[in-house]
């Protein structure tokens, strides 16, 4: 196995996969929350864990002033490659706030040299309580508006800020299952709407990451690498749990635990033979603050052993 790992690490295909990190790997879901690790501590620990590529996560967790953000990241050796935002696309009255949010993210991240903005779809169940806040499935005018505004937002990000917008699948959202993903790909304009392959949420949506990669190689422009416990995922769907309950039950696990099978996944990503940022994530909001650092070090070292990360 050691010989195989070394061979993989010298394969030029693997050198195109750049490993990174984001606040989710440190249990952060919100710009501010008393259960979360202070951003300075998280940032110091991310650097200590050996990461140098950053997706900034919830807008407002790290400083939003471009100069301060650049200074804080720079002195710890981080390159910022992406920002992240939530934004409702299927309700006409929500567009003004969604556009304003993404313009703020776009302005900050363009100024620090980022390349991507990740659009997280709002969940139809509350992230704290699990109560329903929206319909499960979009049809008719709501679906048409979702598509129109996805294209519209992606165009704004590209033309006004030079950023590529990638849609992100998520549990308890309108992009969760393979059917949802196929539907959004068929309806949106690839010139403005890419895809963030979140490998854990694809598992949570009961889909196959490898088949998705092979079916849509051109749409996959960015990756969140994450694993899920398939037994907990099945129970969550069988019993119709909200995603927050599944997280509290431990559905999101550190590789090599859970699914997808990471060596197979990394091989499939390498087969795309294109430059990709692959950002480590694990959903563990409210975790013990002593857990993320040693956990992230183990995950990064494991991923490096199968070819992801050249350090």
C-alpha atoms as a PDB file:
ATOM      1  CA  UNK A   1       0.000   0.000   0.000  1.00  0.00           C
ATOM      2  CA  UNK A   2       2.824   2.438   0.776  1.00  0.00           C
ATOM      3  CA  UNK A   3       4.303   1.909  -2.663  1.00  0.00           C
ATOM      4  CA  UNK A   4       0.923   2.459  -4.270  1.00  0.00           C
ATOM      5  CA  UNK A   5       0.388   5.715  -2.343  1.00  0.00           C
ATOM      6  CA  UNK A   6       3.760   7.060  -3.412  1.00  0.00           C
ATOM      7  CA  UNK A   7       3.028   6.125  -7.021  1.00  0.00           C
ATOM      8  CA  UNK A   8      -0.287   7.944  -6.898  1.00  0.00           C
ATOM      9  CA  UNK A   9       1.285  11.051  -5.438  1.00  0.00           C
ATOM     10  CA  UNK A  10       3.629  11.329  -8.414  1.00  0.00           C
ATOM     11  CA  UNK A  11       0.853  10.907 -10.992  1.00  0.00           C
ATOM     12  CA  UNK A  12       0.395  14.316 -12.663  1.00  0.00           C
ATOM     13  CA  UNK A  13      -3.376  13.842 -12.711  1.00  0.00           C
ATOM     14  CA  UNK A  14      -3.393  14.012  -8.924  1.00  0.00           C
ATOM     15  CA  UNK A  15      -1.363  17.207  -8.862  1.00  0.00           C
ATOM     16  CA  UNK A  16      -4.354  18.975 -10.410  1.00  0.00           C
ATOM     17  CA  UNK A  17      -6.410  18.299  -7.250  1.00  0.00           C
ATOM     18  CA  UNK A  18      -5.695  21.006  -4.674  1.00  0.00           C
ATOM     19  CA  UNK A  19      -6.878  20.250  -1.141  1.00  0.00           C
ATOM     20  CA  UNK A  20      -8.374  23.027   0.966  1.00  0.00           C
ATOM     21  CA  UNK A  21     -10.456  23.716   4.044  1.00  0.00           C
ATOM     22  CA  UNK A  22     -13.444  25.763   5.152  1.00  0.00           C
ATOM     23  CA  UNK A  23     -15.110  26.628   8.474  1.00  0.00           C
ATOM     24  CA  UNK A  24     -17.520  23.681   8.230  1.00  0.00           C
ATOM     25  CA  UNK A  25     -14.558  21.394   8.998  1.00  0.00           C
ATOM     26  CA  UNK A  26     -14.384  23.271  12.317  1.00  0.00           C
ATOM     27  CA  UNK A  27     -18.111  22.902  13.090  1.00  0.00           C
ATOM     28  CA  UNK A  28     -19.137  26.343  11.789  1.00  0.00           C
ATOM     29  CA  UNK A  29     -22.534  26.836  10.119  1.00  0.00           C
ATOM     30  CA  UNK A  30     -23.399  30.455  10.925  1.00  0.00           C
ATOM     31  CA  UNK A  31     -21.732  33.887  10.788  1.00  0.00           C
ATOM     32  CA  UNK A  32     -22.136  34.173  14.557  1.00  0.00           C
ATOM     33  CA  UNK A  33     -23.152  31.549  17.077  1.00  0.00           C
ATOM     34  CA  UNK A  34     -22.129  30.918  20.705  1.00  0.00           C
ATOM     35  CA  UNK A  35     -21.624  27.203  20.021  1.00  0.00           C
ATOM     36  CA  UNK A  36     -18.957  27.890  17.393  1.00  0.00           C
ATOM     37  CA  UNK A  37     -15.200  28.273  17.745  1.00  0.00           C
ATOM     38  CA  UNK A  38     -14.020  31.921  17.501  1.00  0.00           C
ATOM     39  CA  UNK A  39     -12.754  32.625  14.006  1.00  0.00           C
ATOM     40  CA  UNK A  40      -9.221  33.577  15.077  1.00  0.00           C
ATOM     41  CA  UNK A  41      -8.764  30.262  16.880  1.00  0.00           C
ATOM     42  CA  UNK A  42     -10.256  28.280  13.992  1.00  0.00           C
ATOM     43  CA  UNK A  43      -8.040  30.058  11.474  1.00  0.00           C
ATOM     44  CA  UNK A  44      -4.903  29.449  13.533  1.00  0.00           C
ATOM     45  CA  UNK A  45      -5.799  25.765  13.862  1.00  0.00           C
ATOM     46  CA  UNK A  46      -6.539  25.403  10.140  1.00  0.00           C
ATOM     47  CA  UNK A  47      -3.025  26.640   9.411  1.00  0.00           C
ATOM     48  CA  UNK A  48      -1.591  24.374  12.118  1.00  0.00           C
ATOM     49  CA  UNK A  49      -3.350  21.409  10.463  1.00  0.00           C
ATOM     50  CA  UNK A  50      -1.374  22.085   7.283  1.00  0.00           C
ATOM     51  CA  UNK A  51      -3.976  23.723   5.046  1.00  0.00           C
ATOM     52  CA  UNK A  52      -3.171  26.677   2.799  1.00  0.00           C
ATOM     53  CA  UNK A  53      -6.283  26.962   0.577  1.00  0.00           C
ATOM     54  CA  UNK A  54      -9.441  28.516   2.046  1.00  0.00           C
ATOM     55  CA  UNK A  55     -13.148  28.704   1.293  1.00  0.00           C
ATOM     56  CA  UNK A  56     -14.397  31.297   3.756  1.00  0.00           C
ATOM     57  CA  UNK A  57     -17.754  29.725   4.655  1.00  0.00           C
ATOM     58  CA  UNK A  58     -20.652  31.702   6.178  1.00  0.00           C
ATOM     59  CA  UNK A  59     -20.215  35.329   5.144  1.00  0.00           C
ATOM     60  CA  UNK A  60     -19.444  37.272   8.297  1.00  0.00           C
ATOM     61  CA  UNK A  61     -17.691  34.506  10.208  1.00  0.00           C
ATOM     62  CA  UNK A  62     -14.323  35.782   8.984  1.00  0.00           C
ATOM     63  CA  UNK A  63     -13.805  39.542   8.492  1.00  0.00           C
ATOM     64  CA  UNK A  64     -15.702  40.866   5.476  1.00  0.00           C
ATOM     65  CA  UNK A  65     -13.518  43.926   4.913  1.00  0.00           C
ATOM     66  CA  UNK A  66     -11.299  42.859   1.993  1.00  0.00           C
ATOM     67  CA  UNK A  67      -8.096  44.383   3.374  1.00  0.00           C
ATOM     68  CA  UNK A  68      -8.495  42.830   6.808  1.00  0.00           C
ATOM     69  CA  UNK A  69      -9.520  39.492   5.319  1.00  0.00           C
ATOM     70  CA  UNK A  70      -6.461  39.508   3.065  1.00  0.00           C
ATOM     71  CA  UNK A  71      -4.218  40.438   6.001  1.00  0.00           C
ATOM     72  CA  UNK A  72      -5.576  37.749   8.331  1.00  0.00           C
ATOM     73  CA  UNK A  73      -5.387  35.052   5.661  1.00  0.00           C
ATOM     74  CA  UNK A  74      -2.021  36.202   4.348  1.00  0.00           C
ATOM     75  CA  UNK A  75      -0.211  36.165   7.649  1.00  0.00           C
ATOM     76  CA  UNK A  76      -1.261  32.551   8.125  1.00  0.00           C
ATOM     77  CA  UNK A  77      -0.321  31.558   4.581  1.00  0.00           C
ATOM     78  CA  UNK A  78      -3.820  31.085   3.170  1.00  0.00           C
ATOM     79  CA  UNK A  79      -4.991  31.631  -0.398  1.00  0.00           C
ATOM     80  CA  UNK A  80      -8.723  32.437  -0.518  1.00  0.00           C
ATOM     81  CA  UNK A  81     -10.352  30.626  -3.450  1.00  0.00           C
ATOM     82  CA  UNK A  82     -14.077  30.881  -2.717  1.00  0.00           C
ATOM     83  CA  UNK A  83     -16.826  32.533  -0.769  1.00  0.00           C
ATOM     84  CA  UNK A  84     -20.086  30.936   0.312  1.00  0.00           C
ATOM     85  CA  UNK A  85     -23.639  32.231   0.498  1.00  0.00           C
ATOM     86  CA  UNK A  86     -27.231  31.233   1.135  1.00  0.00           C
ATOM     87  CA  UNK A  87     -29.840  32.818  -1.085  1.00  0.00           C
ATOM     88  CA  UNK A  88     -33.496  32.130  -1.888  1.00  0.00           C
ATOM     89  CA  UNK A  89     -34.038  31.892  -5.639  1.00  0.00           C
ATOM     90  CA  UNK A  90     -37.654  30.708  -5.991  1.00  0.00           C
ATOM     91  CA  UNK A  91     -39.482  33.549  -4.218  1.00  0.00           C
ATOM     92  CA  UNK A  92     -39.800  36.836  -6.088  1.00  0.00           C
ATOM     93  CA  UNK A  93     -39.866  38.910  -2.905  1.00  0.00           C
ATOM     94  CA  UNK A  94     -36.551  37.374  -1.746  1.00  0.00           C
ATOM     95  CA  UNK A  95     -34.515  38.347  -4.815  1.00  0.00           C
ATOM     96  CA  UNK A  96     -33.523  41.791  -3.528  1.00  0.00           C
ATOM     97  CA  UNK A  97     -31.933  40.337  -0.384  1.00  0.00           C
ATOM     98  CA  UNK A  98     -30.327  37.450  -2.281  1.00  0.00           C
ATOM     99  CA  UNK A  99     -28.764  39.788  -4.816  1.00  0.00           C
ATOM    100  CA  UNK A 100     -27.519  42.153  -2.099  1.00  0.00           C
ATOM    101  CA  UNK A 101     -25.994  39.267  -0.133  1.00  0.00           C
ATOM    102  CA  UNK A 102     -24.159  37.848  -3.121  1.00  0.00           C
ATOM    103  CA  UNK A 103     -22.964  41.247  -4.290  1.00  0.00           C
ATOM    104  CA  UNK A 104     -21.420  41.779  -0.866  1.00  0.00           C
ATOM    105  CA  UNK A 105     -19.773  38.353  -1.027  1.00  0.00           C
ATOM    106  CA  UNK A 106     -18.682  38.987  -4.599  1.00  0.00           C
ATOM    107  CA  UNK A 107     -17.121  42.369  -3.810  1.00  0.00           C
ATOM    108  CA  UNK A 108     -15.117  41.036  -0.858  1.00  0.00           C
ATOM    109  CA  UNK A 109     -13.951  37.870  -2.559  1.00  0.00           C
ATOM    110  CA  UNK A 110     -13.084  39.403  -5.911  1.00  0.00           C
ATOM    111  CA  UNK A 111     -10.904  41.882  -4.012  1.00  0.00           C
ATOM    112  CA  UNK A 112      -8.913  39.065  -2.354  1.00  0.00           C
ATOM    113  CA  UNK A 113      -8.438  37.070  -5.562  1.00  0.00           C
ATOM    114  CA  UNK A 114     -11.047  34.336  -5.125  1.00  0.00           C
ATOM    115  CA  UNK A 115     -12.297  32.398  -8.149  1.00  0.00           C
ATOM    116  CA  UNK A 116     -15.594  30.847  -7.004  1.00  0.00           C
ATOM    117  CA  UNK A 117     -18.733  31.566  -5.048  1.00  0.00           C
ATOM    118  CA  UNK A 118     -20.670  28.592  -3.671  1.00  0.00           C
ATOM    119  CA  UNK A 119     -24.456  28.951  -3.623  1.00  0.00           C
ATOM    120  CA  UNK A 120     -25.942  26.918  -0.782  1.00  0.00           C
ATOM    121  CA  UNK A 121     -29.638  26.262  -1.361  1.00  0.00           C
ATOM    122  CA  UNK A 122     -31.838  27.342   1.556  1.00  0.00           C
ATOM    123  CA  UNK A 123     -33.208  24.342   3.407  1.00  0.00           C
ATOM    124  CA  UNK A 124     -36.931  23.643   3.656  1.00  0.00           C
ATOM    125  CA  UNK A 125     -36.522  22.732   7.341  1.00  0.00           C
ATOM    126  CA  UNK A 126     -35.065  24.976  10.022  1.00  0.00           C
ATOM    127  CA  UNK A 127     -31.357  24.389  10.724  1.00  0.00           C
ATOM    128  CA  UNK A 128     -31.908  24.528  14.491  1.00  0.00           C
ATOM    129  CA  UNK A 129     -35.353  23.027  15.098  1.00  0.00           C
ATOM    130  CA  UNK A 130     -35.979  20.906  12.009  1.00  0.00           C
ATOM    131  CA  UNK A 131     -39.431  22.463  11.562  1.00  0.00           C
ATOM    132  CA  UNK A 132     -40.677  22.887   7.983  1.00  0.00           C
ATOM    133  CA  UNK A 133     -40.200  26.396   6.621  1.00  0.00           C
ATOM    134  CA  UNK A 134     -40.948  25.750   2.939  1.00  0.00           C
ATOM    135  CA  UNK A 135     -42.330  23.147   0.544  1.00  0.00           C
ATOM    136  CA  UNK A 136     -40.212  20.062  -0.195  1.00  0.00           C
ATOM    137  CA  UNK A 137     -40.514  20.206  -3.959  1.00  0.00           C
ATOM    138  CA  UNK A 138     -40.615  23.081  -6.418  1.00  0.00           C
ATOM    139  CA  UNK A 139     -42.965  23.073  -9.413  1.00  0.00           C
ATOM    140  CA  UNK A 140     -44.592  25.512 -11.767  1.00  0.00           C
ATOM    141  CA  UNK A 141     -43.808  29.198 -11.364  1.00  0.00           C
ATOM    142  CA  UNK A 142     -41.579  28.618  -8.305  1.00  0.00           C
ATOM    143  CA  UNK A 143     -39.367  26.200 -10.235  1.00  0.00           C
ATOM    144  CA  UNK A 144     -39.213  28.477 -13.275  1.00  0.00           C
ATOM    145  CA  UNK A 145     -38.166  31.386 -11.058  1.00  0.00           C
ATOM    146  CA  UNK A 146     -35.527  29.218  -9.352  1.00  0.00           C
ATOM    147  CA  UNK A 147     -33.938  28.485 -12.730  1.00  0.00           C
ATOM    148  CA  UNK A 148     -34.233  32.072 -13.964  1.00  0.00           C
ATOM    149  CA  UNK A 149     -32.648  33.466 -10.814  1.00  0.00           C
ATOM    150  CA  UNK A 150     -29.894  30.836 -10.718  1.00  0.00           C
ATOM    151  CA  UNK A 151     -28.850  31.916 -14.209  1.00  0.00           C
ATOM    152  CA  UNK A 152     -29.289  35.576 -13.272  1.00  0.00           C
ATOM    153  CA  UNK A 153     -27.176  35.289 -10.127  1.00  0.00           C
ATOM    154  CA  UNK A 154     -24.470  33.303 -11.898  1.00  0.00           C
ATOM    155  CA  UNK A 155     -24.301  35.936 -14.616  1.00  0.00           C
ATOM    156  CA  UNK A 156     -23.940  38.747 -12.059  1.00  0.00           C
ATOM    157  CA  UNK A 157     -21.155  36.895 -10.268  1.00  0.00           C
ATOM    158  CA  UNK A 158     -19.312  36.234 -13.538  1.00  0.00           C
ATOM    159  CA  UNK A 159     -19.755  39.563 -15.283  1.00  0.00           C
ATOM    160  CA  UNK A 160     -19.529  41.940 -12.304  1.00  0.00           C
ATOM    161  CA  UNK A 161     -17.024  40.124 -10.067  1.00  0.00           C
ATOM    162  CA  UNK A 162     -15.210  37.573 -12.211  1.00  0.00           C
ATOM    163  CA  UNK A 163     -16.407  34.699 -10.012  1.00  0.00           C
ATOM    164  CA  UNK A 164     -17.776  31.321 -11.092  1.00  0.00           C
ATOM    165  CA  UNK A 165     -20.970  30.412  -9.254  1.00  0.00           C
ATOM    166  CA  UNK A 166     -21.422  26.763  -8.331  1.00  0.00           C
ATOM    167  CA  UNK A 167     -24.662  25.316  -6.970  1.00  0.00           C
ATOM    168  CA  UNK A 168     -24.337  23.007  -3.977  1.00  0.00           C
ATOM    169  CA  UNK A 169     -26.545  19.977  -3.204  1.00  0.00           C
ATOM    170  CA  UNK A 170     -27.732  19.760   0.400  1.00  0.00           C
ATOM    171  CA  UNK A 171     -29.897  17.655   2.666  1.00  0.00           C
ATOM    172  CA  UNK A 172     -33.362  19.141   3.235  1.00  0.00           C
ATOM    173  CA  UNK A 173     -33.033  21.393   0.194  1.00  0.00           C
ATOM    174  CA  UNK A 174     -34.412  21.595  -3.335  1.00  0.00           C
ATOM    175  CA  UNK A 175     -31.148  20.135  -4.669  1.00  0.00           C
ATOM    176  CA  UNK A 176     -30.820  16.888  -2.739  1.00  0.00           C
ATOM    177  CA  UNK A 177     -31.507  13.800  -4.868  1.00  0.00           C
ATOM    178  CA  UNK A 178     -30.018  12.695  -8.180  1.00  0.00           C
ATOM    179  CA  UNK A 179     -33.352  13.576  -9.788  1.00  0.00           C
ATOM    180  CA  UNK A 180     -33.011  17.120  -8.409  1.00  0.00           C
ATOM    181  CA  UNK A 181     -29.445  17.406  -9.713  1.00  0.00           C
ATOM    182  CA  UNK A 182     -30.352  16.129 -13.176  1.00  0.00           C
ATOM    183  CA  UNK A 183     -33.268  18.537 -13.306  1.00  0.00           C
ATOM    184  CA  UNK A 184     -31.212  21.604 -12.375  1.00  0.00           C
ATOM    185  CA  UNK A 185     -28.445  20.691 -14.830  1.00  0.00           C
ATOM    186  CA  UNK A 186     -30.909  20.300 -17.666  1.00  0.00           C
ATOM    187  CA  UNK A 187     -32.580  23.649 -16.921  1.00  0.00           C
ATOM    188  CA  UNK A 188     -29.679  26.002 -16.127  1.00  0.00           C
ATOM    189  CA  UNK A 189     -27.132  27.672 -18.396  1.00  0.00           C
ATOM    190  CA  UNK A 190     -23.662  26.094 -17.960  1.00  0.00           C
ATOM    191  CA  UNK A 191     -22.088  29.427 -18.894  1.00  0.00           C
ATOM    192  CA  UNK A 192     -23.306  30.832 -15.572  1.00  0.00           C
ATOM    193  CA  UNK A 193     -24.171  27.880 -13.336  1.00  0.00           C
ATOM    194  CA  UNK A 194     -21.612  25.264 -12.330  1.00  0.00           C
ATOM    195  CA  UNK A 195     -21.781  22.573  -9.682  1.00  0.00           C
ATOM    196  CA  UNK A 196     -20.061  22.053  -6.373  1.00  0.00           C
ATOM    197  CA  UNK A 197     -19.861  18.294  -5.937  1.00  0.00           C
ATOM    198  CA  UNK A 198     -20.433  17.815  -2.213  1.00  0.00           C
ATOM    199  CA  UNK A 199     -19.663  14.132  -1.921  1.00  0.00           C
ATOM    200  CA  UNK A 200     -21.329  13.753   1.479  1.00  0.00           C
ATOM    201  CA  UNK A 201     -24.566  15.469   0.520  1.00  0.00           C
ATOM    202  CA  UNK A 202     -24.698  13.374  -2.648  1.00  0.00           C
ATOM    203  CA  UNK A 203     -24.574  10.293  -0.400  1.00  0.00           C
ATOM    204  CA  UNK A 204     -27.209  11.870   1.844  1.00  0.00           C
ATOM    205  CA  UNK A 205     -29.394  12.326  -1.236  1.00  0.00           C
ATOM    206  CA  UNK A 206     -28.998   8.573  -1.936  1.00  0.00           C
ATOM    207  CA  UNK A 207     -27.065   9.193  -5.172  1.00  0.00           C
ATOM    208  CA  UNK A 208     -23.823   7.781  -6.630  1.00  0.00           C
ATOM    209  CA  UNK A 209     -20.868  10.184  -6.703  1.00  0.00           C
ATOM    210  CA  UNK A 210     -18.895   8.203  -9.272  1.00  0.00           C
ATOM    211  CA  UNK A 211     -21.783   8.027 -11.722  1.00  0.00           C
ATOM    212  CA  UNK A 212     -22.417  11.740 -11.233  1.00  0.00           C
ATOM    213  CA  UNK A 213     -18.766  12.571 -11.981  1.00  0.00           C
ATOM    214  CA  UNK A 214     -18.775  10.407 -15.104  1.00  0.00           C
ATOM    215  CA  UNK A 215     -22.134  11.716 -16.346  1.00  0.00           C
ATOM    216  CA  UNK A 216     -21.424  15.431 -15.831  1.00  0.00           C
ATOM    217  CA  UNK A 217     -17.650  15.932 -16.067  1.00  0.00           C
ATOM    218  CA  UNK A 218     -17.994  19.437 -17.499  1.00  0.00           C
ATOM    219  CA  UNK A 219     -20.483  20.734 -14.920  1.00  0.00           C
ATOM    220  CA  UNK A 220     -18.371  19.727 -11.910  1.00  0.00           C
ATOM    221  CA  UNK A 221     -16.116  22.699 -11.272  1.00  0.00           C
ATOM    222  CA  UNK A 222     -15.518  22.556  -7.521  1.00  0.00           C
ATOM    223  CA  UNK A 223     -15.634  19.888  -4.796  1.00  0.00           C
ATOM    224  CA  UNK A 224     -16.498  19.544  -1.125  1.00  0.00           C
ATOM    225  CA  UNK A 225     -15.052  16.238   0.044  1.00  0.00           C
ATOM    226  CA  UNK A 226     -17.137  14.768   2.841  1.00  0.00           C
ATOM    227  CA  UNK A 227     -18.305  11.356   4.043  1.00  0.00           C
ATOM    228  CA  UNK A 228     -21.572  10.107   5.518  1.00  0.00           C
ATOM    229  CA  UNK A 229     -22.477   7.041   7.580  1.00  0.00           C
ATOM    230  CA  UNK A 230     -24.841   5.136   5.228  1.00  0.00           C
ATOM    231  CA  UNK A 231     -26.705   3.447   8.116  1.00  0.00           C
ATOM    232  CA  UNK A 232     -27.587   6.773   9.715  1.00  0.00           C
ATOM    233  CA  UNK A 233     -28.461   8.247   6.316  1.00  0.00           C
ATOM    234  CA  UNK A 234     -30.859   5.354   5.656  1.00  0.00           C
ATOM    235  CA  UNK A 235     -32.461   5.716   9.085  1.00  0.00           C
ATOM    236  CA  UNK A 236     -32.818   9.470   8.566  1.00  0.00           C
ATOM    237  CA  UNK A 237     -34.706   8.918   5.306  1.00  0.00           C
ATOM    238  CA  UNK A 238     -36.727   5.955   6.560  1.00  0.00           C
ATOM    239  CA  UNK A 239     -37.905   7.949   9.574  1.00  0.00           C
ATOM    240  CA  UNK A 240     -38.030  11.329   7.783  1.00  0.00           C
ATOM    241  CA  UNK A 241     -35.584  13.060  10.092  1.00  0.00           C
ATOM    242  CA  UNK A 242     -34.631  16.664   9.478  1.00  0.00           C
ATOM    243  CA  UNK A 243     -31.013  17.047   8.415  1.00  0.00           C
ATOM    244  CA  UNK A 244     -30.077  18.700  11.714  1.00  0.00           C
ATOM    245  CA  UNK A 245     -31.186  15.562  13.596  1.00  0.00           C
ATOM    246  CA  UNK A 246     -29.081  13.380  11.302  1.00  0.00           C
ATOM    247  CA  UNK A 247     -26.057  15.601  11.975  1.00  0.00           C
ATOM    248  CA  UNK A 248     -26.587  15.387  15.730  1.00  0.00           C
ATOM    249  CA  UNK A 249     -26.827  11.606  15.358  1.00  0.00           C
ATOM    250  CA  UNK A 250     -23.382  11.571  13.723  1.00  0.00           C
ATOM    251  CA  UNK A 251     -24.237  11.078  10.052  1.00  0.00           C
ATOM    252  CA  UNK A 252     -21.224  13.131   8.891  1.00  0.00           C
ATOM    253  CA  UNK A 253     -18.041  11.176   9.576  1.00  0.00           C
ATOM    254  CA  UNK A 254     -14.310  11.639   8.921  1.00  0.00           C
ATOM    255  CA  UNK A 255     -12.803   9.682   6.007  1.00  0.00           C
ATOM    256  CA  UNK A 256     -11.964   6.865   5.614  1.00  0.00           C
ATOM    257  CA  UNK A 257     -15.153   6.123   7.568  1.00  0.00           C
ATOM    258  CA  UNK A 258     -18.478   6.096   5.750  1.00  0.00           C
ATOM    259  CA  UNK A 259     -19.240   6.648   2.074  1.00  0.00           C
ATOM    260  CA  UNK A 260     -18.205   7.386  -0.621  1.00  0.00           C
ATOM    261  CA  UNK A 261     -15.216   5.100  -0.855  1.00  0.00           C
ATOM    262  CA  UNK A 262     -12.458   7.694  -0.880  1.00  0.00           C
ATOM    263  CA  UNK A 263      -9.768   5.972  -3.007  1.00  0.00           C
ATOM    264  CA  UNK A 264     -12.376   5.339  -5.720  1.00  0.00           C
ATOM    265  CA  UNK A 265     -13.631   8.906  -5.462  1.00  0.00           C
ATOM    266  CA  UNK A 266     -10.182  10.491  -5.677  1.00  0.00           C
ATOM    267  CA  UNK A 267      -9.385   8.301  -8.687  1.00  0.00           C
ATOM    268  CA  UNK A 268     -12.575   9.481 -10.411  1.00  0.00           C
ATOM    269  CA  UNK A 269     -11.734  13.123  -9.689  1.00  0.00           C
ATOM    270  CA  UNK A 270      -8.210  12.602 -11.030  1.00  0.00           C
ATOM    271  CA  UNK A 271      -9.721  11.052 -14.159  1.00  0.00           C
ATOM    272  CA  UNK A 272     -11.410  14.393 -14.889  1.00  0.00           C
ATOM    273  CA  UNK A 273      -7.860  15.612 -15.570  1.00  0.00           C
ATOM    274  CA  UNK A 274      -8.588  19.243 -14.721  1.00  0.00           C
ATOM    275  CA  UNK A 275      -7.669  21.719 -12.013  1.00  0.00           C
ATOM    276  CA  UNK A 276     -10.047  21.336  -9.058  1.00  0.00           C
ATOM    277  CA  UNK A 277     -10.191  22.738  -5.569  1.00  0.00           C
ATOM    278  CA  UNK A 278     -11.239  19.938  -3.214  1.00  0.00           C
ATOM    279  CA  UNK A 279     -12.356  21.407   0.115  1.00  0.00           C
ATOM    280  CA  UNK A 280     -12.531  19.300   3.289  1.00  0.00           C
ATOM    281  CA  UNK A 281     -15.808  19.441   5.183  1.00  0.00           C
ATOM    282  CA  UNK A 282     -17.540  17.617   8.015  1.00  0.00           C
ATOM    283  CA  UNK A 283     -20.938  18.663   9.347  1.00  0.00           C
ATOM    284  CA  UNK A 284     -20.526  18.849  13.127  1.00  0.00           C
ATOM    285  CA  UNK A 285     -22.120  22.092  14.271  1.00  0.00           C
ATOM    286  CA  UNK A 286     -21.903  22.414  18.030  1.00  0.00           C
ATOM    287  CA  UNK A 287     -18.939  20.035  18.361  1.00  0.00           C
ATOM    288  CA  UNK A 288     -16.440  19.949  21.226  1.00  0.00           C
ATOM    289  CA  UNK A 289     -13.951  22.735  20.338  1.00  0.00           C
ATOM    290  CA  UNK A 290     -11.060  20.369  21.061  1.00  0.00           C
ATOM    291  CA  UNK A 291     -12.161  17.956  18.310  1.00  0.00           C
ATOM    292  CA  UNK A 292     -11.647  19.726  14.932  1.00  0.00           C
ATOM    293  CA  UNK A 293      -7.863  20.174  14.951  1.00  0.00           C
ATOM    294  CA  UNK A 294      -6.709  16.564  15.586  1.00  0.00           C
ATOM    295  CA  UNK A 295      -9.562  15.263  13.438  1.00  0.00           C
ATOM    296  CA  UNK A 296      -8.609  17.515  10.497  1.00  0.00           C
ATOM    297  CA  UNK A 297      -4.963  16.518  10.725  1.00  0.00           C
ATOM    298  CA  UNK A 298      -5.905  12.829  10.515  1.00  0.00           C
ATOM    299  CA  UNK A 299      -8.270  13.456   7.589  1.00  0.00           C
ATOM    300  CA  UNK A 300      -5.729  15.519   5.661  1.00  0.00           C
ATOM    301  CA  UNK A 301      -3.007  12.922   6.207  1.00  0.00           C
ATOM    302  CA  UNK A 302      -5.335  10.113   5.120  1.00  0.00           C
ATOM    303  CA  UNK A 303      -6.392  11.953   1.969  1.00  0.00           C
ATOM    304  CA  UNK A 304      -2.750  12.664   1.141  1.00  0.00           C
ATOM    305  CA  UNK A 305      -2.021   8.937   1.430  1.00  0.00           C
ATOM    306  CA  UNK A 306      -4.512   8.216  -1.381  1.00  0.00           C
ATOM    307  CA  UNK A 307      -3.284  10.999  -3.649  1.00  0.00           C
ATOM    308  CA  UNK A 308      -5.253  14.089  -2.609  1.00  0.00           C
ATOM    309  CA  UNK A 309      -2.820  16.762  -1.507  1.00  0.00           C
ATOM    310  CA  UNK A 310       0.798  16.813  -2.576  1.00  0.00           C
ATOM    311  CA  UNK A 311       2.327  17.945   0.722  1.00  0.00           C
END
